Amino acid sequence: MTERIPWTPEEDAQLIALREAGRSINQIVTIIGRTRGSVSSRMTRLGLFNKNTSRAWEAWEIDHLIAHYRHPEWPVKRLAERYGRTEGAVRMRAAYLGIQRPDLDYKAKPAEMDQRIVTLAMADLPSDEIAEQVGCSPGYVWVVLKQRPALHRRWKERLGVRRRRSTYHQGGKRHG
């Protein structure tokens, strides 16, 4: 077990200044040179955890993010370091701006996949067969087809697909 080193008033002042400047705990740990547990414990004692430390995004940060988020030479970690923010904050701002990284974002699918789904749906194939041929989940097939309401409606009518109801919602005893 390591020896406990008491916090000095200078370290407390530095901790408070860094936290008020919007620094994350990881950044503070690196600057002060103490363990994460020590820093978080001291922050709790000083009442620094409940303060909102988020800062507004500056115009240059947003412009830089829009210009570089999709480029492989600018990983999220590098962007976060450039802006002095967390990786989560960078991802959230990119999502807010509608920027996607197709190589990393699990929801981003190539447009060719969507077109192939539409083509197979027009051939009256059920969703599980379409998903197998395209290489996605049946749920994603439904998402793509729901974006085209007229096609989705015709496809369901031709296949005789009806909305499934769980056994809980089917007749019988009332659930209370």
N, C-alpha and C. Protein backbone atom coordinates (compact mmCIF):
# COMPACT_ATOMS: atom_id res chain seq x y z
N MET A 1 0.84 -1.18 0.00
CA MET A 1 0.00 0.00 0.00
C MET A 1 0.89 1.24 0.00
N THR A 2 0.49 2.20 -0.82
CA THR A 2 1.30 3.41 -0.91
C THR A 2 0.97 4.37 0.22
N GLU A 3 1.94 5.19 0.52
CA GLU A 3 1.77 6.16 1.60
C GLU A 3 0.90 7.32 1.13
N ARG A 4 0.01 7.75 1.98
CA ARG A 4 -0.88 8.88 1.65
C ARG A 4 -0.11 10.18 1.79
N ILE A 5 -0.20 10.98 0.74
CA ILE A 5 0.46 12.29 0.74
C ILE A 5 -0.63 13.34 0.86
N PRO A 6 -0.58 14.15 1.91
CA PRO A 6 -1.63 15.16 2.08
C PRO A 6 -1.59 16.20 0.96
N TRP A 7 -2.77 16.73 0.67
CA TRP A 7 -2.91 17.78 -0.35
C TRP A 7 -2.47 19.11 0.24
N THR A 8 -1.72 19.84 -0.53
CA THR A 8 -1.29 21.18 -0.10
C THR A 8 -2.31 22.21 -0.57
N PRO A 9 -2.34 23.38 0.06
CA PRO A 9 -3.24 24.44 -0.41
C PRO A 9 -2.96 24.84 -1.87
N GLU A 10 -1.71 24.77 -2.29
CA GLU A 10 -1.37 25.10 -3.68
C GLU A 10 -1.98 24.09 -4.64
N GLU A 11 -1.93 22.80 -4.27
CA GLU A 11 -2.53 21.76 -5.12
C GLU A 11 -4.05 21.92 -5.18
N ASP A 12 -4.65 22.25 -4.03
CA ASP A 12 -6.10 22.49 -4.02
C ASP A 12 -6.46 23.64 -4.96
N ALA A 13 -5.68 24.71 -4.90
CA ALA A 13 -5.95 25.87 -5.77
C ALA A 13 -5.78 25.49 -7.23
N GLN A 14 -4.76 24.69 -7.52
CA GLN A 14 -4.53 24.25 -8.90
C GLN A 14 -5.68 23.35 -9.37
N LEU A 15 -6.12 22.46 -8.50
CA LEU A 15 -7.23 21.56 -8.82
C LEU A 15 -8.50 22.37 -9.12
N ILE A 16 -8.80 23.32 -8.28
CA ILE A 16 -10.00 24.15 -8.48
C ILE A 16 -9.89 24.94 -9.79
N ALA A 17 -8.73 25.51 -10.06
CA ALA A 17 -8.54 26.30 -11.28
C ALA A 17 -8.69 25.42 -12.53
N LEU A 18 -8.11 24.23 -12.49
CA LEU A 18 -8.21 23.33 -13.64
C LEU A 18 -9.65 22.89 -13.88
N ARG A 19 -10.36 22.59 -12.81
CA ARG A 19 -11.74 22.14 -12.95
C ARG A 19 -12.63 23.27 -13.47
N GLU A 20 -12.41 24.47 -12.99
CA GLU A 20 -13.20 25.61 -13.46
C GLU A 20 -12.86 25.99 -14.89
N ALA A 21 -11.67 25.60 -15.35
CA ALA A 21 -11.27 25.86 -16.74
C ALA A 21 -11.88 24.82 -17.68
N GLY A 22 -12.60 23.84 -17.11
CA GLY A 22 -13.28 22.85 -17.94
C GLY A 22 -12.46 21.61 -18.23
N ARG A 23 -11.40 21.40 -17.47
CA ARG A 23 -10.56 20.22 -17.69
C ARG A 23 -11.25 18.97 -17.17
N SER A 24 -11.02 17.84 -17.85
CA SER A 24 -11.58 16.57 -17.42
C SER A 24 -10.73 16.00 -16.28
N ILE A 25 -11.25 15.01 -15.62
CA ILE A 25 -10.50 14.38 -14.51
C ILE A 25 -9.21 13.78 -15.04
N ASN A 26 -9.26 13.12 -16.21
CA ASN A 26 -8.05 12.53 -16.77
C ASN A 26 -6.99 13.58 -17.06
N GLN A 27 -7.40 14.72 -17.57
CA GLN A 27 -6.44 15.79 -17.83
C GLN A 27 -5.84 16.32 -16.52
N ILE A 28 -6.69 16.46 -15.51
CA ILE A 28 -6.21 16.95 -14.20
C ILE A 28 -5.22 15.96 -13.59
N VAL A 29 -5.51 14.67 -13.69
CA VAL A 29 -4.62 13.64 -13.16
C VAL A 29 -3.24 13.77 -13.80
N THR A 30 -3.22 13.97 -15.11
CA THR A 30 -1.94 14.09 -15.82
C THR A 30 -1.18 15.34 -15.39
N ILE A 31 -1.88 16.45 -15.26
CA ILE A 31 -1.23 17.72 -14.91
C ILE A 31 -0.73 17.72 -13.47
N ILE A 32 -1.57 17.27 -12.54
CA ILE A 32 -1.20 17.33 -11.11
C ILE A 32 -0.23 16.22 -10.74
N GLY A 33 -0.36 15.06 -11.38
CA GLY A 33 0.55 13.96 -11.09
C GLY A 33 0.14 13.10 -9.91
N ARG A 34 -1.16 13.03 -9.66
CA ARG A 34 -1.69 12.16 -8.61
C ARG A 34 -2.56 11.10 -9.26
N THR A 35 -2.97 10.11 -8.48
CA THR A 35 -3.81 9.05 -9.01
C THR A 35 -5.23 9.56 -9.25
N ARG A 36 -5.95 8.84 -10.08
CA ARG A 36 -7.34 9.21 -10.37
C ARG A 36 -8.19 9.16 -9.10
N GLY A 37 -7.96 8.15 -8.28
CA GLY A 37 -8.70 8.02 -7.03
C GLY A 37 -8.45 9.19 -6.09
N SER A 38 -7.20 9.61 -6.01
CA SER A 38 -6.85 10.73 -5.16
C SER A 38 -7.51 12.02 -5.64
N VAL A 39 -7.45 12.24 -6.96
CA VAL A 39 -8.04 13.46 -7.53
C VAL A 39 -9.55 13.46 -7.36
N SER A 40 -10.20 12.35 -7.67
CA SER A 40 -11.67 12.32 -7.56
C SER A 40 -12.12 12.44 -6.10
N SER A 41 -11.35 11.84 -5.19
CA SER A 41 -11.67 11.96 -3.78
C SER A 41 -11.57 13.41 -3.32
N ARG A 42 -10.51 14.08 -3.76
CA ARG A 42 -10.32 15.48 -3.36
C ARG A 42 -11.38 16.38 -4.00
N MET A 43 -11.74 16.08 -5.23
CA MET A 43 -12.79 16.86 -5.90
C MET A 43 -14.12 16.71 -5.17
N THR A 44 -14.40 15.51 -4.70
CA THR A 44 -15.64 15.29 -3.94
C THR A 44 -15.60 16.11 -2.66
N ARG A 45 -14.48 16.05 -1.97
CA ARG A 45 -14.34 16.79 -0.71
C ARG A 45 -14.48 18.29 -0.91
N LEU A 46 -13.98 18.80 -2.06
CA LEU A 46 -14.05 20.23 -2.34
C LEU A 46 -15.37 20.64 -3.04
N GLY A 47 -16.22 19.66 -3.31
CA GLY A 47 -17.51 19.96 -3.94
C GLY A 47 -17.40 20.34 -5.40
N LEU A 48 -16.44 19.77 -6.11
CA LEU A 48 -16.22 20.15 -7.51
C LEU A 48 -16.95 19.24 -8.50
N PHE A 49 -17.53 18.15 -8.02
CA PHE A 49 -18.19 17.23 -8.94
C PHE A 49 -19.53 17.75 -9.43
N ASN A 50 -20.22 18.50 -8.65
CA ASN A 50 -21.56 18.94 -9.02
C ASN A 50 -21.56 20.16 -9.92
N LYS A 51 -20.42 20.73 -10.17
CA LYS A 51 -20.35 21.92 -11.01
C LYS A 51 -20.38 21.52 -12.48
N ASN A 52 -21.12 22.26 -13.28
CA ASN A 52 -21.17 22.01 -14.70
C ASN A 52 -19.91 22.57 -15.34
N THR A 53 -19.09 21.68 -15.90
CA THR A 53 -17.82 22.11 -16.46
C THR A 53 -17.85 22.14 -17.98
N SER A 54 -18.98 21.86 -18.58
CA SER A 54 -19.02 21.86 -20.03
C SER A 54 -18.92 23.29 -20.54
N ARG A 55 -18.23 23.44 -21.64
CA ARG A 55 -18.10 24.76 -22.24
C ARG A 55 -18.66 24.72 -23.64
N ALA A 56 -19.09 25.84 -24.11
CA ALA A 56 -19.68 25.92 -25.44
C ALA A 56 -18.63 25.64 -26.51
N TRP A 57 -19.08 25.07 -27.61
CA TRP A 57 -18.18 24.82 -28.72
C TRP A 57 -17.92 26.13 -29.45
N GLU A 58 -16.67 26.39 -29.74
CA GLU A 58 -16.30 27.60 -30.47
C GLU A 58 -16.43 27.35 -31.96
N ALA A 59 -16.58 28.43 -32.72
CA ALA A 59 -16.79 28.32 -34.17
C ALA A 59 -15.64 27.59 -34.86
N TRP A 60 -14.40 27.87 -34.46
CA TRP A 60 -13.26 27.21 -35.11
C TRP A 60 -13.26 25.71 -34.84
N GLU A 61 -13.70 25.30 -33.63
CA GLU A 61 -13.76 23.88 -33.31
C GLU A 61 -14.78 23.18 -34.20
N ILE A 62 -15.94 23.79 -34.37
CA ILE A 62 -16.99 23.19 -35.20
C ILE A 62 -16.53 23.12 -36.66
N ASP A 63 -15.93 24.18 -37.16
CA ASP A 63 -15.44 24.18 -38.54
C ASP A 63 -14.39 23.10 -38.74
N HIS A 64 -13.47 22.99 -37.78
CA HIS A 64 -12.41 21.98 -37.87
C HIS A 64 -13.01 20.57 -37.80
N LEU A 65 -13.98 20.37 -36.92
CA LEU A 65 -14.62 19.06 -36.79
C LEU A 65 -15.32 18.67 -38.09
N ILE A 66 -16.06 19.60 -38.68
CA ILE A 66 -16.76 19.32 -39.94
C ILE A 66 -15.76 18.96 -41.04
N ALA A 67 -14.65 19.67 -41.08
CA ALA A 67 -13.65 19.45 -42.13
C ALA A 67 -12.85 18.16 -41.95
N HIS A 68 -12.65 17.72 -40.70
CA HIS A 68 -11.71 16.62 -40.46
C HIS A 68 -12.30 15.34 -39.87
N TYR A 69 -13.55 15.33 -39.45
CA TYR A 69 -14.10 14.16 -38.74
C TYR A 69 -14.07 12.90 -39.60
N ARG A 70 -14.28 13.04 -40.89
CA ARG A 70 -14.35 11.86 -41.76
C ARG A 70 -12.97 11.35 -42.20
N HIS A 71 -11.93 12.12 -42.01
CA HIS A 71 -10.62 11.74 -42.50
C HIS A 71 -9.95 10.73 -41.57
N PRO A 72 -9.39 9.66 -42.13
CA PRO A 72 -8.74 8.63 -41.31
C PRO A 72 -7.54 9.14 -40.52
N GLU A 73 -6.87 10.18 -41.02
CA GLU A 73 -5.70 10.68 -40.29
C GLU A 73 -6.09 11.53 -39.08
N TRP A 74 -7.40 11.77 -38.90
CA TRP A 74 -7.89 12.49 -37.73
C TRP A 74 -8.80 11.59 -36.90
N PRO A 75 -8.25 10.64 -36.15
CA PRO A 75 -9.11 9.81 -35.28
C PRO A 75 -9.73 10.67 -34.18
N VAL A 76 -10.78 10.16 -33.60
CA VAL A 76 -11.52 10.90 -32.57
C VAL A 76 -10.60 11.29 -31.42
N LYS A 77 -9.69 10.41 -31.06
CA LYS A 77 -8.76 10.72 -29.95
C LYS A 77 -7.93 11.96 -30.27
N ARG A 78 -7.44 12.05 -31.49
CA ARG A 78 -6.63 13.21 -31.89
C ARG A 78 -7.46 14.49 -31.89
N LEU A 79 -8.70 14.39 -32.38
CA LEU A 79 -9.59 15.56 -32.38
C LEU A 79 -9.87 16.01 -30.95
N ALA A 80 -10.13 15.04 -30.07
CA ALA A 80 -10.42 15.37 -28.66
C ALA A 80 -9.24 16.10 -28.02
N GLU A 81 -8.04 15.62 -28.29
CA GLU A 81 -6.85 16.28 -27.75
C GLU A 81 -6.70 17.70 -28.31
N ARG A 82 -7.00 17.85 -29.59
CA ARG A 82 -6.88 19.16 -30.24
C ARG A 82 -7.82 20.19 -29.60
N TYR A 83 -9.05 19.73 -29.27
CA TYR A 83 -10.04 20.65 -28.70
C TYR A 83 -10.01 20.71 -27.18
N GLY A 84 -9.26 19.81 -26.54
CA GLY A 84 -9.25 19.76 -25.08
C GLY A 84 -10.57 19.25 -24.54
N ARG A 85 -11.14 18.25 -25.23
CA ARG A 85 -12.44 17.69 -24.85
C ARG A 85 -12.32 16.17 -24.78
N THR A 86 -13.36 15.53 -24.28
CA THR A 86 -13.37 14.07 -24.24
C THR A 86 -13.75 13.51 -25.60
N GLU A 87 -13.41 12.24 -25.83
CA GLU A 87 -13.78 11.59 -27.09
C GLU A 87 -15.30 11.52 -27.22
N GLY A 88 -15.97 11.27 -26.10
CA GLY A 88 -17.44 11.23 -26.12
C GLY A 88 -18.05 12.55 -26.54
N ALA A 89 -17.45 13.66 -26.07
CA ALA A 89 -17.96 14.98 -26.43
C ALA A 89 -17.80 15.23 -27.92
N VAL A 90 -16.68 14.77 -28.49
CA VAL A 90 -16.45 14.95 -29.93
C VAL A 90 -17.45 14.13 -30.72
N ARG A 91 -17.67 12.87 -30.31
CA ARG A 91 -18.64 12.02 -31.02
C ARG A 91 -20.06 12.59 -30.94
N MET A 92 -20.41 13.09 -29.76
CA MET A 92 -21.76 13.66 -29.59
C MET A 92 -21.94 14.90 -30.44
N ARG A 93 -20.93 15.75 -30.52
CA ARG A 93 -21.05 16.97 -31.34
C ARG A 93 -21.14 16.59 -32.82
N ALA A 94 -20.36 15.60 -33.24
CA ALA A 94 -20.42 15.16 -34.64
C ALA A 94 -21.81 14.60 -34.95
N ALA A 95 -22.36 13.82 -34.04
CA ALA A 95 -23.71 13.28 -34.25
C ALA A 95 -24.73 14.41 -34.30
N TYR A 96 -24.58 15.41 -33.45
CA TYR A 96 -25.47 16.55 -33.44
C TYR A 96 -25.41 17.30 -34.77
N LEU A 97 -24.20 17.37 -35.35
CA LEU A 97 -24.01 18.05 -36.62
C LEU A 97 -24.38 17.17 -37.82
N GLY A 98 -24.69 15.90 -37.55
CA GLY A 98 -25.07 14.99 -38.63
C GLY A 98 -23.90 14.44 -39.42
N ILE A 99 -22.72 14.45 -38.82
CA ILE A 99 -21.53 13.94 -39.49
C ILE A 99 -21.35 12.47 -39.09
N GLN A 100 -21.12 11.61 -40.08
CA GLN A 100 -20.92 10.20 -39.79
C GLN A 100 -19.57 9.75 -40.31
N ARG A 101 -19.02 8.76 -39.64
CA ARG A 101 -17.82 8.09 -40.12
C ARG A 101 -18.25 6.68 -40.50
N PRO A 102 -18.49 6.43 -41.78
CA PRO A 102 -19.00 5.13 -42.20
C PRO A 102 -18.16 3.95 -41.75
N ASP A 103 -16.84 4.16 -41.60
CA ASP A 103 -15.99 3.06 -41.16
C ASP A 103 -16.15 2.74 -39.68
N LEU A 104 -16.70 3.68 -38.89
CA LEU A 104 -16.81 3.48 -37.45
C LEU A 104 -18.25 3.44 -36.93
N ASP A 105 -19.14 4.23 -37.52
CA ASP A 105 -20.50 4.31 -37.01
C ASP A 105 -21.29 3.08 -37.42
N TYR A 106 -21.78 2.33 -36.45
CA TYR A 106 -22.45 1.08 -36.73
C TYR A 106 -23.76 1.27 -37.48
N LYS A 107 -24.37 2.44 -37.40
CA LYS A 107 -25.64 2.67 -38.09
C LYS A 107 -25.45 3.04 -39.55
N ALA A 108 -24.28 3.49 -39.91
CA ALA A 108 -24.04 3.94 -41.28
C ALA A 108 -23.84 2.74 -42.19
N LYS A 109 -24.67 2.61 -43.19
CA LYS A 109 -24.57 1.53 -44.17
C LYS A 109 -24.37 2.17 -45.54
N PRO A 110 -23.71 1.47 -46.45
CA PRO A 110 -23.53 2.04 -47.78
C PRO A 110 -24.86 2.16 -48.53
N ALA A 111 -24.97 3.15 -49.38
CA ALA A 111 -26.20 3.39 -50.13
C ALA A 111 -26.53 2.20 -51.03
N GLU A 112 -25.49 1.48 -51.50
CA GLU A 112 -25.73 0.31 -52.36
C GLU A 112 -26.52 -0.75 -51.61
N MET A 113 -26.29 -0.87 -50.30
CA MET A 113 -27.01 -1.86 -49.51
C MET A 113 -28.51 -1.52 -49.47
N ASP A 114 -28.81 -0.24 -49.25
CA ASP A 114 -30.21 0.18 -49.22
C ASP A 114 -30.89 -0.08 -50.57
N GLN A 115 -30.18 0.22 -51.65
CA GLN A 115 -30.76 0.00 -52.98
C GLN A 115 -30.99 -1.47 -53.24
N ARG A 116 -30.08 -2.31 -52.80
CA ARG A 116 -30.24 -3.77 -52.98
C ARG A 116 -31.44 -4.27 -52.18
N ILE A 117 -31.65 -3.73 -50.99
CA ILE A 117 -32.81 -4.10 -50.17
C ILE A 117 -34.10 -3.73 -50.89
N VAL A 118 -34.15 -2.53 -51.45
CA VAL A 118 -35.34 -2.09 -52.18
C VAL A 118 -35.60 -2.99 -53.37
N THR A 119 -34.55 -3.34 -54.12
CA THR A 119 -34.70 -4.20 -55.29
C THR A 119 -35.25 -5.57 -54.90
N LEU A 120 -34.72 -6.15 -53.84
CA LEU A 120 -35.18 -7.47 -53.40
C LEU A 120 -36.60 -7.41 -52.84
N ALA A 121 -36.96 -6.29 -52.21
CA ALA A 121 -38.32 -6.13 -51.70
C ALA A 121 -39.31 -6.06 -52.86
N MET A 122 -38.91 -5.44 -53.96
CA MET A 122 -39.77 -5.36 -55.13
C MET A 122 -39.96 -6.73 -55.76
N ALA A 123 -39.04 -7.66 -55.49
CA ALA A 123 -39.15 -9.04 -55.98
C ALA A 123 -39.94 -9.91 -55.01
N ASP A 124 -40.60 -9.29 -54.04
CA ASP A 124 -41.47 -9.97 -53.08
C ASP A 124 -40.75 -11.00 -52.21
N LEU A 125 -39.53 -10.72 -51.81
CA LEU A 125 -38.83 -11.61 -50.87
C LEU A 125 -39.13 -11.18 -49.45
N PRO A 126 -39.27 -12.13 -48.52
CA PRO A 126 -39.48 -11.77 -47.11
C PRO A 126 -38.22 -11.15 -46.51
N SER A 127 -38.40 -10.44 -45.40
CA SER A 127 -37.30 -9.68 -44.81
C SER A 127 -36.14 -10.55 -44.37
N ASP A 128 -36.38 -11.74 -43.86
CA ASP A 128 -35.26 -12.57 -43.43
C ASP A 128 -34.40 -13.03 -44.61
N GLU A 129 -35.03 -13.30 -45.76
CA GLU A 129 -34.26 -13.69 -46.95
C GLU A 129 -33.49 -12.50 -47.51
N ILE A 130 -34.12 -11.33 -47.50
CA ILE A 130 -33.43 -10.12 -47.96
C ILE A 130 -32.21 -9.87 -47.08
N ALA A 131 -32.40 -9.97 -45.77
CA ALA A 131 -31.30 -9.72 -44.83
C ALA A 131 -30.15 -10.70 -45.07
N GLU A 132 -30.48 -11.96 -45.32
CA GLU A 132 -29.45 -12.96 -45.56
C GLU A 132 -28.67 -12.66 -46.83
N GLN A 133 -29.36 -12.25 -47.89
CA GLN A 133 -28.69 -11.97 -49.16
C GLN A 133 -27.85 -10.70 -49.10
N VAL A 134 -28.34 -9.71 -48.39
CA VAL A 134 -27.64 -8.43 -48.34
C VAL A 134 -26.54 -8.42 -47.28
N GLY A 135 -26.74 -9.18 -46.20
CA GLY A 135 -25.75 -9.21 -45.12
C GLY A 135 -26.04 -8.21 -44.03
N CYS A 136 -27.30 -8.08 -43.67
CA CYS A 136 -27.69 -7.18 -42.59
C CYS A 136 -28.75 -7.89 -41.74
N SER A 137 -29.32 -7.20 -40.78
CA SER A 137 -30.36 -7.79 -39.95
C SER A 137 -31.73 -7.56 -40.57
N PRO A 138 -32.70 -8.43 -40.27
CA PRO A 138 -34.07 -8.20 -40.76
C PRO A 138 -34.64 -6.87 -40.27
N GLY A 139 -34.21 -6.45 -39.09
CA GLY A 139 -34.67 -5.16 -38.57
C GLY A 139 -34.20 -4.00 -39.44
N TYR A 140 -32.97 -4.09 -39.96
CA TYR A 140 -32.48 -3.04 -40.83
C TYR A 140 -33.27 -3.01 -42.15
N VAL A 141 -33.68 -4.18 -42.63
CA VAL A 141 -34.52 -4.24 -43.84
C VAL A 141 -35.79 -3.44 -43.60
N TRP A 142 -36.42 -3.63 -42.46
CA TRP A 142 -37.65 -2.90 -42.14
C TRP A 142 -37.38 -1.40 -42.03
N VAL A 143 -36.25 -1.02 -41.46
CA VAL A 143 -35.91 0.41 -41.33
C VAL A 143 -35.82 1.04 -42.71
N VAL A 144 -35.14 0.35 -43.64
CA VAL A 144 -34.98 0.88 -45.00
C VAL A 144 -36.33 0.98 -45.69
N LEU A 145 -37.15 -0.03 -45.55
CA LEU A 145 -38.44 -0.03 -46.24
C LEU A 145 -39.41 0.97 -45.61
N LYS A 146 -39.31 1.19 -44.31
CA LYS A 146 -40.18 2.17 -43.65
C LYS A 146 -39.89 3.58 -44.14
N GLN A 147 -38.68 3.82 -44.64
CA GLN A 147 -38.33 5.13 -45.19
C GLN A 147 -39.01 5.37 -46.53
N ARG A 148 -39.57 4.30 -47.10
CA ARG A 148 -40.30 4.40 -48.37
C ARG A 148 -41.70 3.84 -48.13
N PRO A 149 -42.61 4.65 -47.56
CA PRO A 149 -43.91 4.15 -47.11
C PRO A 149 -44.74 3.44 -48.19
N ALA A 150 -44.76 3.97 -49.40
CA ALA A 150 -45.57 3.34 -50.45
C ALA A 150 -45.03 1.95 -50.78
N LEU A 151 -43.73 1.83 -50.94
CA LEU A 151 -43.12 0.53 -51.21
C LEU A 151 -43.35 -0.42 -50.05
N HIS A 152 -43.18 0.08 -48.84
CA HIS A 152 -43.36 -0.75 -47.65
C HIS A 152 -44.78 -1.31 -47.57
N ARG A 153 -45.76 -0.46 -47.83
CA ARG A 153 -47.16 -0.88 -47.78
C ARG A 153 -47.44 -1.95 -48.84
N ARG A 154 -47.00 -1.72 -50.09
CA ARG A 154 -47.21 -2.71 -51.16
C ARG A 154 -46.51 -4.01 -50.85
N TRP A 155 -45.29 -3.92 -50.33
CA TRP A 155 -44.52 -5.12 -50.01
C TRP A 155 -45.23 -5.96 -48.95
N LYS A 156 -45.73 -5.29 -47.91
CA LYS A 156 -46.46 -6.02 -46.85
C LYS A 156 -47.73 -6.65 -47.40
N GLU A 157 -48.46 -5.93 -48.27
CA GLU A 157 -49.70 -6.47 -48.83
C GLU A 157 -49.43 -7.69 -49.71
N ARG A 158 -48.40 -7.61 -50.56
CA ARG A 158 -48.10 -8.72 -51.47
C ARG A 158 -47.65 -9.96 -50.71
N LEU A 159 -46.92 -9.77 -49.63
CA LEU A 159 -46.44 -10.91 -48.85
C LEU A 159 -47.45 -11.36 -47.80
N GLY A 160 -48.47 -10.56 -47.57
CA GLY A 160 -49.43 -10.90 -46.52
C GLY A 160 -48.85 -10.74 -45.13
N VAL A 161 -47.91 -9.84 -44.99
CA VAL A 161 -47.26 -9.61 -43.70
C VAL A 161 -48.17 -8.76 -42.84
N ARG A 162 -48.38 -9.22 -41.64
CA ARG A 162 -49.16 -8.46 -40.68
C ARG A 162 -48.32 -8.22 -39.45
N ARG A 163 -48.70 -7.21 -38.74
CA ARG A 163 -47.98 -6.88 -37.51
C ARG A 163 -48.17 -8.00 -36.51
N ARG A 164 -47.07 -8.44 -35.97
CA ARG A 164 -47.14 -9.50 -34.95
C ARG A 164 -47.51 -8.88 -33.62
N ARG A 165 -48.30 -9.61 -32.89
CA ARG A 165 -48.61 -9.17 -31.53
C ARG A 165 -48.06 -10.21 -30.57
N SER A 166 -47.59 -9.75 -29.47
CA SER A 166 -47.05 -10.68 -28.48
C SER A 166 -48.19 -11.46 -27.85
N THR A 167 -47.86 -12.57 -27.21
CA THR A 167 -48.90 -13.37 -26.55
C THR A 167 -49.54 -12.58 -25.42
N TYR A 168 -48.83 -11.61 -24.89
CA TYR A 168 -49.38 -10.77 -23.83
C TYR A 168 -50.57 -9.97 -24.34
N HIS A 169 -50.51 -9.49 -25.59
CA HIS A 169 -51.56 -8.65 -26.14
C HIS A 169 -52.65 -9.42 -26.87
N GLN A 170 -52.48 -10.73 -27.03
CA GLN A 170 -53.53 -11.48 -27.68
C GLN A 170 -54.60 -11.83 -26.67
N GLY A 171 -55.78 -12.18 -27.20
CA GLY A 171 -56.95 -12.41 -26.32
C GLY A 171 -56.65 -13.25 -25.10
N GLY A 172 -57.67 -13.61 -24.40
CA GLY A 172 -57.49 -14.42 -23.20
C GLY A 172 -57.66 -13.61 -21.96
N LYS A 173 -57.02 -14.07 -20.92
CA LYS A 173 -57.15 -13.41 -19.62
C LYS A 173 -56.65 -11.97 -19.67
N ARG A 174 -57.31 -11.15 -18.87
CA ARG A 174 -56.84 -9.77 -18.72
C ARG A 174 -55.65 -9.79 -17.75
N HIS A 175 -54.67 -9.05 -18.12
CA HIS A 175 -53.49 -8.97 -17.24
C HIS A 175 -53.65 -7.75 -16.37
N GLY A 176 -53.40 -7.92 -15.12
CA GLY A 176 -53.66 -6.81 -14.25
C GLY A 176 -52.53 -6.32 -13.52
